[in-house]
C-alpha cells in the first residue's frame, strides 16, 4: 500500500517535506539529499551509493556500479514508489493485528529497495512477506535476483557507519551485482 501510493519522482521527499532526509542510526545520522531524479539509476548512483561509498572509504567496484546505474542498466518501467527507506526487521513491529512499520526514512525510490533492506538481517515471516508482495505487486520473474542490488544501500550505509565485516560484505555484493 505504501509503495503503491507512489511518489512524484525518484528521490523526492514525502509530502510537503523540504530539504534533506536522513539515514543511519540516531547517533550517526548521514544526510540523504532529497531531490527529484528522472531515473531510479541516477538517483541511486548519485544520491545514495556515491556519497555512502565516500563515507565508507571507497569500496572496490563502486565506479563500475555507478557507471551501470547511471547508464540505466538496472532501470525498469516501474514508477517511483513511496519507500519506507529503512525497512529492516527492527522497524517492523508485530502484533496479533499484523505488522506496523516505524522509524521511516521516506522518499521516492524503487520498491525493491525496501525488500532488499528487509532481507539484510532476515525477518519473521520473510518468505511469506516476499511471496505476498510479489503477488500483490505483480512482480516479474527474476525479481529476487535484483534484491542484492537493492540491498546495497543498507550495506554501504553499514560499511560507512560501522566498517568491519560490512565493508567485505559490501565489496562481495557489488561484485555479484556487476555480474547481473
N, C-alpha and C. Protein backbone atom coordinates (compact mmCIF):
# COMPACT_ATOMS: atom_id res chain seq x y z
N UNK A 1 0.84 -1.19 0.00
CA UNK A 1 0.00 0.00 0.00
C UNK A 1 0.88 1.25 0.00
N UNK A 2 1.93 1.24 0.81
CA UNK A 2 2.83 2.40 0.86
C UNK A 2 3.48 2.61 -0.50
N UNK A 3 4.02 1.56 -1.10
CA UNK A 3 4.67 1.69 -2.39
C UNK A 3 3.69 2.14 -3.46
N UNK A 4 2.50 1.59 -3.45
CA UNK A 4 1.50 1.92 -4.46
C UNK A 4 1.03 3.37 -4.36
N UNK A 5 1.23 4.01 -3.20
CA UNK A 5 0.87 5.42 -3.07
C UNK A 5 1.73 6.28 -3.99
N UNK A 6 2.89 5.76 -4.37
CA UNK A 6 3.73 6.44 -5.34
C UNK A 6 4.45 7.65 -4.78
N UNK A 7 5.22 8.24 -5.65
CA UNK A 7 5.99 9.44 -5.33
C UNK A 7 6.11 10.25 -6.61
N UNK A 8 6.26 11.57 -6.50
CA UNK A 8 6.36 12.39 -7.71
C UNK A 8 7.56 12.04 -8.58
N UNK A 9 8.65 11.59 -7.94
CA UNK A 9 9.87 11.27 -8.69
C UNK A 9 10.79 10.45 -7.80
N UNK A 10 11.76 9.80 -8.42
CA UNK A 10 12.80 9.13 -7.66
C UNK A 10 13.59 10.18 -6.90
N UNK A 11 13.75 9.98 -5.61
CA UNK A 11 14.50 10.92 -4.78
C UNK A 11 13.68 12.03 -4.15
N UNK A 12 12.39 12.08 -4.44
CA UNK A 12 11.56 13.13 -3.85
C UNK A 12 11.28 12.83 -2.39
N UNK A 13 11.15 13.88 -1.61
CA UNK A 13 10.79 13.73 -0.20
C UNK A 13 9.31 13.44 -0.06
N UNK A 14 8.88 13.05 1.13
CA UNK A 14 7.47 12.76 1.36
C UNK A 14 6.64 14.03 1.49
N UNK A 15 5.48 14.02 0.90
CA UNK A 15 4.52 15.12 1.06
C UNK A 15 5.12 16.49 0.84
N UNK A 16 4.98 17.33 1.84
CA UNK A 16 5.47 18.71 1.74
C UNK A 16 6.87 18.87 2.33
N UNK A 17 7.56 17.76 2.60
CA UNK A 17 8.91 17.79 3.17
C UNK A 17 9.83 18.60 2.27
N UNK A 18 10.63 19.46 2.87
CA UNK A 18 11.64 20.22 2.13
C UNK A 18 12.99 19.97 2.77
N UNK A 19 14.02 19.95 1.95
CA UNK A 19 15.37 19.74 2.45
C UNK A 19 15.76 18.28 2.43
N UNK A 20 16.85 18.00 3.11
CA UNK A 20 17.41 16.66 3.11
C UNK A 20 16.65 15.73 4.05
N UNK A 21 16.77 14.46 3.78
CA UNK A 21 16.33 13.43 4.69
C UNK A 21 17.56 12.89 5.41
N UNK A 22 17.37 11.88 6.19
CA UNK A 22 18.48 11.31 6.96
C UNK A 22 18.40 9.80 6.95
N UNK A 23 19.55 9.17 7.13
CA UNK A 23 19.62 7.72 7.19
C UNK A 23 20.69 7.33 8.19
N UNK A 24 20.53 6.17 8.77
CA UNK A 24 21.51 5.67 9.72
C UNK A 24 21.01 5.77 11.15
N UNK A 25 21.83 5.29 12.07
CA UNK A 25 21.42 5.33 13.48
C UNK A 25 21.42 6.76 14.02
N UNK A 26 20.59 7.00 15.02
CA UNK A 26 20.44 8.36 15.55
C UNK A 26 21.74 8.97 16.04
N UNK A 27 22.68 8.15 16.49
CA UNK A 27 23.94 8.71 16.97
C UNK A 27 24.97 8.89 15.86
N UNK A 28 24.58 8.59 14.61
CA UNK A 28 25.50 8.76 13.48
C UNK A 28 24.69 8.98 12.20
N UNK A 29 23.77 9.94 12.24
CA UNK A 29 22.91 10.20 11.08
C UNK A 29 23.73 10.75 9.91
N UNK A 30 23.44 10.25 8.73
CA UNK A 30 24.03 10.75 7.50
C UNK A 30 22.92 11.38 6.66
N UNK A 31 23.26 12.43 5.97
CA UNK A 31 22.27 13.12 5.14
C UNK A 31 21.88 12.26 3.95
N UNK A 32 20.61 12.32 3.59
CA UNK A 32 20.10 11.73 2.36
C UNK A 32 19.48 12.88 1.57
N UNK A 33 20.28 13.50 0.68
CA UNK A 33 19.76 14.63 -0.09
C UNK A 33 18.54 14.21 -0.89
N UNK A 34 17.48 14.95 -0.79
CA UNK A 34 16.25 14.62 -1.50
C UNK A 34 16.01 15.64 -2.59
N UNK A 35 16.04 15.17 -3.82
CA UNK A 35 15.72 15.99 -4.99
C UNK A 35 15.24 15.05 -6.08
N UNK A 36 14.43 15.57 -6.96
CA UNK A 36 13.80 14.74 -7.98
C UNK A 36 14.78 14.33 -9.07
N UNK A 37 14.72 13.05 -9.43
CA UNK A 37 15.54 12.48 -10.50
C UNK A 37 14.63 11.79 -11.50
N UNK A 38 14.98 11.88 -12.77
CA UNK A 38 14.17 11.27 -13.82
C UNK A 38 14.26 9.76 -13.82
N UNK A 39 15.37 9.19 -13.33
CA UNK A 39 15.50 7.74 -13.34
C UNK A 39 15.94 7.24 -11.97
N UNK A 40 15.57 5.98 -11.70
CA UNK A 40 15.99 5.38 -10.45
C UNK A 40 17.50 5.21 -10.42
N UNK A 41 18.09 4.77 -11.52
CA UNK A 41 19.52 4.52 -11.56
C UNK A 41 20.34 5.75 -11.23
N UNK A 42 19.97 6.90 -11.79
CA UNK A 42 20.75 8.13 -11.49
C UNK A 42 20.57 8.54 -10.05
N UNK A 43 19.36 8.42 -9.51
CA UNK A 43 19.14 8.73 -8.10
C UNK A 43 19.95 7.81 -7.21
N UNK A 44 19.87 6.51 -7.45
CA UNK A 44 20.56 5.53 -6.61
C UNK A 44 22.07 5.73 -6.68
N UNK A 45 22.58 6.04 -7.86
CA UNK A 45 24.03 6.24 -8.03
C UNK A 45 24.49 7.52 -7.37
N UNK A 46 23.88 8.64 -7.75
CA UNK A 46 24.38 9.96 -7.36
C UNK A 46 24.04 10.36 -5.93
N UNK A 47 22.86 10.00 -5.47
CA UNK A 47 22.39 10.46 -4.16
C UNK A 47 22.62 9.42 -3.07
N UNK A 48 22.51 8.15 -3.42
CA UNK A 48 22.60 7.10 -2.41
C UNK A 48 23.99 6.48 -2.36
N UNK A 49 24.39 5.80 -3.42
CA UNK A 49 25.61 4.99 -3.38
C UNK A 49 26.88 5.82 -3.34
N UNK A 50 27.04 6.79 -4.22
CA UNK A 50 28.31 7.55 -4.28
C UNK A 50 28.64 8.23 -2.95
N UNK A 51 27.72 8.95 -2.32
CA UNK A 51 28.07 9.56 -1.02
C UNK A 51 28.37 8.53 0.07
N UNK A 52 27.61 7.44 0.11
CA UNK A 52 27.88 6.41 1.13
C UNK A 52 29.22 5.74 0.88
N UNK A 53 29.57 5.54 -0.39
CA UNK A 53 30.88 4.97 -0.72
C UNK A 53 32.00 5.88 -0.22
N UNK A 54 31.83 7.18 -0.38
CA UNK A 54 32.84 8.13 0.11
C UNK A 54 32.98 8.02 1.62
N UNK A 55 31.87 7.92 2.33
CA UNK A 55 31.90 7.76 3.80
C UNK A 55 32.56 6.43 4.19
N UNK A 56 32.38 5.40 3.35
CA UNK A 56 32.93 4.08 3.66
C UNK A 56 34.40 3.96 3.27
N UNK A 57 34.95 4.97 2.62
CA UNK A 57 36.35 4.95 2.25
C UNK A 57 36.64 4.34 0.89
N UNK A 58 35.61 4.05 0.13
CA UNK A 58 35.79 3.53 -1.22
C UNK A 58 35.75 2.02 -1.26
N UNK A 59 34.70 1.49 -1.83
CA UNK A 59 34.52 0.04 -1.97
C UNK A 59 34.93 -0.33 -3.40
N UNK A 60 35.83 -1.30 -3.57
CA UNK A 60 36.22 -1.72 -4.92
C UNK A 60 34.99 -2.11 -5.76
N UNK A 61 34.99 -1.69 -7.01
CA UNK A 61 33.89 -1.99 -7.92
C UNK A 61 32.83 -0.92 -7.96
N UNK A 62 32.88 0.04 -7.05
CA UNK A 62 31.83 1.06 -6.99
C UNK A 62 31.78 1.89 -8.26
N UNK A 63 32.93 2.27 -8.82
CA UNK A 63 32.90 3.09 -10.04
C UNK A 63 32.17 2.38 -11.17
N UNK A 64 32.43 1.09 -11.35
CA UNK A 64 31.74 0.32 -12.39
C UNK A 64 30.24 0.23 -12.09
N UNK A 65 29.90 0.06 -10.82
CA UNK A 65 28.49 0.02 -10.42
C UNK A 65 27.82 1.35 -10.72
N UNK A 66 28.46 2.46 -10.36
CA UNK A 66 27.88 3.78 -10.61
C UNK A 66 27.68 4.01 -12.10
N UNK A 67 28.65 3.58 -12.92
CA UNK A 67 28.52 3.73 -14.37
C UNK A 67 27.31 2.97 -14.89
N UNK A 68 27.13 1.74 -14.42
CA UNK A 68 25.99 0.94 -14.89
C UNK A 68 24.66 1.52 -14.41
N UNK A 69 24.64 2.01 -13.18
CA UNK A 69 23.41 2.64 -12.68
C UNK A 69 23.06 3.88 -13.49
N UNK A 70 24.05 4.74 -13.71
CA UNK A 70 23.79 5.98 -14.44
C UNK A 70 23.44 5.74 -15.91
N UNK A 71 23.93 4.64 -16.48
CA UNK A 71 23.61 4.34 -17.87
C UNK A 71 22.23 3.70 -18.01
N UNK A 72 21.58 3.40 -16.89
CA UNK A 72 20.22 2.86 -16.93
C UNK A 72 20.15 1.35 -17.01
N UNK A 73 21.27 0.66 -16.81
CA UNK A 73 21.28 -0.81 -16.92
C UNK A 73 20.27 -1.48 -16.00
N UNK A 74 19.97 -0.89 -14.86
CA UNK A 74 19.07 -1.53 -13.90
C UNK A 74 17.71 -0.83 -13.81
N UNK A 75 17.48 0.16 -14.65
CA UNK A 75 16.18 0.83 -14.65
C UNK A 75 15.14 -0.08 -15.30
N UNK A 76 13.92 0.05 -14.87
CA UNK A 76 12.82 -0.69 -15.47
C UNK A 76 11.65 0.29 -15.63
N UNK A 77 10.51 -0.22 -15.98
CA UNK A 77 9.38 0.68 -16.24
C UNK A 77 8.51 0.92 -15.01
N UNK A 78 8.98 0.48 -13.84
CA UNK A 78 8.18 0.68 -12.63
C UNK A 78 8.24 2.15 -12.21
N UNK A 79 7.12 2.72 -11.84
CA UNK A 79 7.12 4.13 -11.42
C UNK A 79 7.74 4.29 -10.03
N UNK A 80 8.07 5.52 -9.67
CA UNK A 80 8.60 5.75 -8.32
C UNK A 80 7.60 5.30 -7.26
N UNK A 81 8.11 4.62 -6.25
CA UNK A 81 7.29 4.17 -5.13
C UNK A 81 7.62 5.02 -3.91
N UNK A 82 6.66 5.16 -3.02
CA UNK A 82 6.94 5.80 -1.73
C UNK A 82 7.58 4.73 -0.86
N UNK A 83 8.86 4.92 -0.53
CA UNK A 83 9.59 3.94 0.26
C UNK A 83 9.53 4.25 1.75
N UNK A 84 9.57 3.21 2.54
CA UNK A 84 9.81 3.35 3.97
C UNK A 84 11.22 3.89 4.14
N UNK A 85 12.17 3.27 3.44
CA UNK A 85 13.54 3.75 3.39
C UNK A 85 14.48 3.20 4.44
N UNK A 86 13.96 2.50 5.44
CA UNK A 86 14.79 1.87 6.47
C UNK A 86 14.07 0.62 6.97
N UNK A 87 13.64 -0.19 6.02
CA UNK A 87 12.77 -1.31 6.35
C UNK A 87 13.58 -2.56 6.70
N UNK A 88 14.18 -2.53 7.87
CA UNK A 88 14.83 -3.73 8.39
C UNK A 88 13.91 -4.30 9.46
N UNK A 89 14.16 -5.53 9.87
CA UNK A 89 13.22 -6.22 10.76
C UNK A 89 12.98 -5.49 12.07
N UNK A 90 13.94 -4.70 12.55
CA UNK A 90 13.74 -3.96 13.79
C UNK A 90 12.75 -2.82 13.67
N UNK A 91 12.42 -2.45 12.44
CA UNK A 91 11.44 -1.39 12.21
C UNK A 91 10.07 -1.95 11.81
N UNK A 92 9.91 -3.26 11.99
CA UNK A 92 8.62 -3.91 11.76
C UNK A 92 8.17 -4.49 13.10
N UNK A 93 7.10 -3.94 13.65
CA UNK A 93 6.57 -4.41 14.92
C UNK A 93 5.36 -5.30 14.64
N UNK A 94 5.39 -6.51 15.22
CA UNK A 94 4.32 -7.47 15.00
C UNK A 94 3.37 -7.48 16.19
N UNK A 95 2.09 -7.60 15.90
CA UNK A 95 1.06 -7.72 16.93
C UNK A 95 0.03 -8.73 16.42
N UNK A 96 -0.93 -9.09 17.25
CA UNK A 96 -1.98 -10.00 16.76
C UNK A 96 -2.76 -9.43 15.57
N UNK A 97 -2.73 -8.12 15.40
CA UNK A 97 -3.46 -7.48 14.30
C UNK A 97 -2.62 -7.36 13.03
N UNK A 98 -1.34 -7.72 13.08
CA UNK A 98 -0.48 -7.63 11.90
C UNK A 98 0.77 -6.84 12.20
N UNK A 99 1.35 -6.27 11.16
CA UNK A 99 2.62 -5.55 11.29
C UNK A 99 2.39 -4.04 11.25
N UNK A 100 3.23 -3.33 12.00
CA UNK A 100 3.26 -1.87 11.98
C UNK A 100 4.70 -1.46 11.68
N UNK A 101 4.87 -0.52 10.76
CA UNK A 101 6.19 -0.04 10.39
C UNK A 101 6.50 1.23 11.16
N UNK A 102 7.73 1.33 11.67
CA UNK A 102 8.15 2.51 12.42
C UNK A 102 9.45 3.06 11.85
N UNK A 103 9.82 4.26 12.27
CA UNK A 103 11.13 4.88 12.03
C UNK A 103 11.52 4.95 10.55
N UNK A 104 10.69 5.57 9.71
CA UNK A 104 11.00 5.61 8.29
C UNK A 104 12.05 6.66 7.91
N UNK A 105 12.60 6.47 6.74
CA UNK A 105 13.42 7.46 6.05
C UNK A 105 12.78 7.61 4.68
N UNK A 106 11.56 8.09 4.68
CA UNK A 106 10.70 8.07 3.50
C UNK A 106 11.25 8.92 2.36
N UNK A 107 11.12 8.36 1.15
CA UNK A 107 11.49 9.07 -0.08
C UNK A 107 10.98 8.27 -1.27
N UNK A 108 11.03 8.87 -2.44
CA UNK A 108 10.63 8.18 -3.66
C UNK A 108 11.77 7.31 -4.15
N UNK A 109 11.50 6.06 -4.44
CA UNK A 109 12.54 5.16 -4.91
C UNK A 109 11.95 3.95 -5.58
N UNK A 110 12.74 2.90 -5.68
CA UNK A 110 12.29 1.64 -6.28
C UNK A 110 11.81 0.74 -5.16
N UNK A 111 10.63 0.17 -5.32
CA UNK A 111 10.03 -0.65 -4.26
C UNK A 111 10.91 -1.81 -3.83
N UNK A 112 11.70 -2.36 -4.75
CA UNK A 112 12.56 -3.48 -4.37
C UNK A 112 13.61 -3.08 -3.33
N UNK A 113 13.89 -1.78 -3.21
CA UNK A 113 14.88 -1.35 -2.23
C UNK A 113 14.39 -1.65 -0.81
N UNK A 114 13.12 -1.41 -0.53
CA UNK A 114 12.60 -1.77 0.79
C UNK A 114 12.70 -3.28 1.01
N UNK A 115 12.41 -4.07 -0.01
CA UNK A 115 12.51 -5.52 0.14
C UNK A 115 13.97 -5.94 0.33
N UNK A 116 14.89 -5.27 -0.36
CA UNK A 116 16.30 -5.54 -0.18
C UNK A 116 16.74 -5.27 1.25
N UNK A 117 16.28 -4.14 1.81
CA UNK A 117 16.57 -3.82 3.21
C UNK A 117 16.05 -4.94 4.11
N UNK A 118 14.84 -5.38 3.87
CA UNK A 118 14.21 -6.36 4.73
C UNK A 118 14.98 -7.68 4.74
N UNK A 119 15.68 -7.97 3.65
CA UNK A 119 16.46 -9.22 3.59
C UNK A 119 17.81 -9.10 4.27
N UNK A 120 18.20 -7.91 4.68
CA UNK A 120 19.53 -7.71 5.26
C UNK A 120 19.78 -8.58 6.49
N UNK A 121 18.87 -8.57 7.42
CA UNK A 121 19.04 -9.32 8.66
C UNK A 121 17.99 -10.41 8.81
N UNK A 122 17.19 -10.61 7.78
CA UNK A 122 16.08 -11.55 7.89
C UNK A 122 14.94 -10.92 8.67
N UNK A 123 13.82 -11.59 8.69
CA UNK A 123 12.65 -11.06 9.39
C UNK A 123 11.68 -12.21 9.62
N UNK A 124 10.87 -12.10 10.67
CA UNK A 124 9.83 -13.11 10.84
C UNK A 124 8.92 -13.14 9.60
N UNK A 125 8.57 -14.32 9.18
CA UNK A 125 7.63 -14.48 8.05
C UNK A 125 8.18 -13.91 6.74
N UNK A 126 9.50 -13.81 6.60
CA UNK A 126 10.09 -13.13 5.43
C UNK A 126 9.63 -13.74 4.11
N UNK A 127 9.68 -15.04 3.99
CA UNK A 127 9.28 -15.66 2.72
C UNK A 127 7.80 -15.41 2.42
N UNK A 128 6.97 -15.44 3.44
CA UNK A 128 5.54 -15.14 3.25
C UNK A 128 5.36 -13.69 2.81
N UNK A 129 6.08 -12.78 3.44
CA UNK A 129 6.00 -11.36 3.08
C UNK A 129 6.44 -11.17 1.63
N UNK A 130 7.58 -11.75 1.26
CA UNK A 130 8.10 -11.58 -0.10
C UNK A 130 7.16 -12.18 -1.14
N UNK A 131 6.65 -13.38 -0.87
CA UNK A 131 5.73 -14.02 -1.81
C UNK A 131 4.44 -13.22 -1.96
N UNK A 132 3.88 -12.77 -0.84
CA UNK A 132 2.64 -11.98 -0.89
C UNK A 132 2.87 -10.66 -1.62
N UNK A 133 4.00 -10.04 -1.35
CA UNK A 133 4.31 -8.77 -2.03
C UNK A 133 4.41 -8.99 -3.54
N UNK A 134 5.15 -10.03 -3.94
CA UNK A 134 5.32 -10.31 -5.37
C UNK A 134 3.98 -10.52 -6.06
N UNK A 135 3.09 -11.22 -5.38
CA UNK A 135 1.76 -11.46 -5.96
C UNK A 135 0.96 -10.16 -6.06
N UNK A 136 0.93 -9.39 -4.98
CA UNK A 136 0.13 -8.16 -4.96
C UNK A 136 0.68 -7.10 -5.92
N UNK A 137 2.01 -7.03 -6.03
CA UNK A 137 2.63 -6.01 -6.88
C UNK A 137 2.87 -6.49 -8.31
N UNK A 138 2.52 -7.75 -8.57
CA UNK A 138 2.71 -8.34 -9.91
C UNK A 138 4.14 -8.17 -10.38
N UNK A 139 5.08 -8.62 -9.53
CA UNK A 139 6.49 -8.53 -9.89
C UNK A 139 6.83 -9.55 -10.97
N UNK A 140 7.74 -9.19 -11.87
CA UNK A 140 8.11 -10.10 -12.96
C UNK A 140 9.01 -11.23 -12.46
N UNK A 141 9.10 -12.29 -13.25
CA UNK A 141 10.03 -13.36 -12.93
C UNK A 141 11.43 -12.78 -12.82
N UNK A 142 12.23 -13.33 -11.91
CA UNK A 142 13.61 -12.90 -11.76
C UNK A 142 13.82 -11.73 -10.82
N UNK A 143 12.76 -11.21 -10.21
CA UNK A 143 12.91 -10.04 -9.35
C UNK A 143 13.78 -10.33 -8.13
N UNK A 144 13.78 -11.54 -7.64
CA UNK A 144 14.60 -11.87 -6.46
C UNK A 144 16.10 -11.73 -6.76
N UNK A 145 16.50 -11.95 -8.01
CA UNK A 145 17.91 -11.80 -8.39
C UNK A 145 18.38 -10.36 -8.22
N UNK A 146 17.45 -9.42 -8.22
CA UNK A 146 17.80 -8.00 -8.08
C UNK A 146 17.89 -7.54 -6.63
N UNK A 147 17.47 -8.37 -5.68
CA UNK A 147 17.50 -7.94 -4.27
C UNK A 147 18.89 -7.55 -3.79
N UNK A 148 19.97 -8.24 -4.18
CA UNK A 148 21.30 -7.77 -3.75
C UNK A 148 21.61 -6.35 -4.21
N UNK A 149 21.20 -5.99 -5.42
CA UNK A 149 21.37 -4.62 -5.91
C UNK A 149 20.66 -3.64 -4.99
N UNK A 150 19.45 -3.97 -4.62
CA UNK A 150 18.64 -3.07 -3.81
C UNK A 150 19.03 -3.11 -2.33
N UNK A 151 19.76 -4.14 -1.92
CA UNK A 151 20.28 -4.21 -0.56
C UNK A 151 21.55 -3.37 -0.41
N UNK A 152 22.13 -2.94 -1.53
CA UNK A 152 23.39 -2.19 -1.45
C UNK A 152 23.28 -0.90 -0.63
N UNK A 153 22.14 -0.23 -0.66
CA UNK A 153 22.03 1.00 0.14
C UNK A 153 22.30 0.71 1.61
N UNK A 154 21.67 -0.30 2.15
CA UNK A 154 21.86 -0.60 3.57
C UNK A 154 23.26 -1.16 3.82
N UNK A 155 23.82 -1.88 2.87
CA UNK A 155 25.18 -2.40 3.03
C UNK A 155 26.20 -1.26 3.04
N UNK A 156 26.10 -0.36 2.07
CA UNK A 156 27.02 0.79 2.06
C UNK A 156 26.85 1.63 3.32
N UNK A 157 25.61 1.80 3.76
CA UNK A 157 25.36 2.57 4.98
C UNK A 157 26.05 1.92 6.17
N UNK A 158 25.92 0.61 6.30
CA UNK A 158 26.58 -0.09 7.41
C UNK A 158 28.09 -0.06 7.28
N UNK A 159 28.60 -0.17 6.07
CA UNK A 159 30.05 -0.06 5.86
C UNK A 159 30.54 1.32 6.27
N UNK A 160 29.76 2.36 5.94
CA UNK A 160 30.15 3.74 6.29
C UNK A 160 30.09 4.00 7.78
N UNK A 161 29.07 3.50 8.44
CA UNK A 161 28.86 3.79 9.86
C UNK A 161 29.63 2.83 10.77
N UNK A 162 29.64 1.54 10.42
CA UNK A 162 30.21 0.54 11.33
C UNK A 162 31.51 -0.09 10.83
N UNK A 163 31.79 -0.01 9.53
CA UNK A 163 33.01 -0.60 8.98
C UNK A 163 33.04 -2.10 9.15
N UNK A 164 34.19 -2.63 9.53
CA UNK A 164 34.36 -4.05 9.82
C UNK A 164 33.91 -4.96 8.70
N UNK A 165 33.21 -6.01 9.07
CA UNK A 165 32.75 -7.01 8.12
C UNK A 165 31.79 -6.49 7.08
N UNK A 166 31.14 -5.35 7.36
CA UNK A 166 30.22 -4.79 6.38
C UNK A 166 30.95 -4.32 5.12
N UNK A 167 32.20 -3.91 5.26
CA UNK A 167 32.98 -3.48 4.10
C UNK A 167 33.18 -4.67 3.16
N UNK A 168 33.59 -5.80 3.69
CA UNK A 168 33.78 -7.00 2.88
C UNK A 168 32.48 -7.49 2.27
N UNK A 169 31.41 -7.47 3.04
CA UNK A 169 30.12 -7.92 2.52
C UNK A 169 29.65 -6.99 1.40
N UNK A 170 29.88 -5.70 1.55
CA UNK A 170 29.51 -4.74 0.51
C UNK A 170 30.33 -5.01 -0.75
N UNK A 171 31.63 -5.21 -0.60
CA UNK A 171 32.50 -5.49 -1.74
C UNK A 171 32.03 -6.75 -2.48
N UNK A 172 31.73 -7.81 -1.74
CA UNK A 172 31.27 -9.05 -2.37
C UNK A 172 29.93 -8.86 -3.08
N UNK A 173 29.05 -8.08 -2.48
CA UNK A 173 27.73 -7.85 -3.10
C UNK A 173 27.88 -7.00 -4.35
N UNK A 174 28.74 -5.99 -4.33
CA UNK A 174 28.98 -5.19 -5.53
C UNK A 174 29.49 -6.10 -6.65
N UNK A 175 30.44 -6.97 -6.36
CA UNK A 175 30.97 -7.88 -7.37
C UNK A 175 29.87 -8.77 -7.93
N UNK A 176 29.00 -9.25 -7.06
CA UNK A 176 27.88 -10.10 -7.51
C UNK A 176 26.93 -9.31 -8.40
N UNK A 177 26.59 -8.09 -7.99
CA UNK A 177 25.65 -7.26 -8.76
C UNK A 177 26.24 -6.95 -10.14
N UNK A 178 27.53 -6.75 -10.23
CA UNK A 178 28.16 -6.43 -11.51
C UNK A 178 28.09 -7.59 -12.50
N UNK A 179 27.74 -8.78 -12.04
CA UNK A 179 27.57 -9.91 -12.95
C UNK A 179 26.15 -9.97 -13.52
N UNK A 180 25.24 -9.17 -12.99
CA UNK A 180 23.84 -9.19 -13.48
C UNK A 180 23.74 -8.52 -14.84
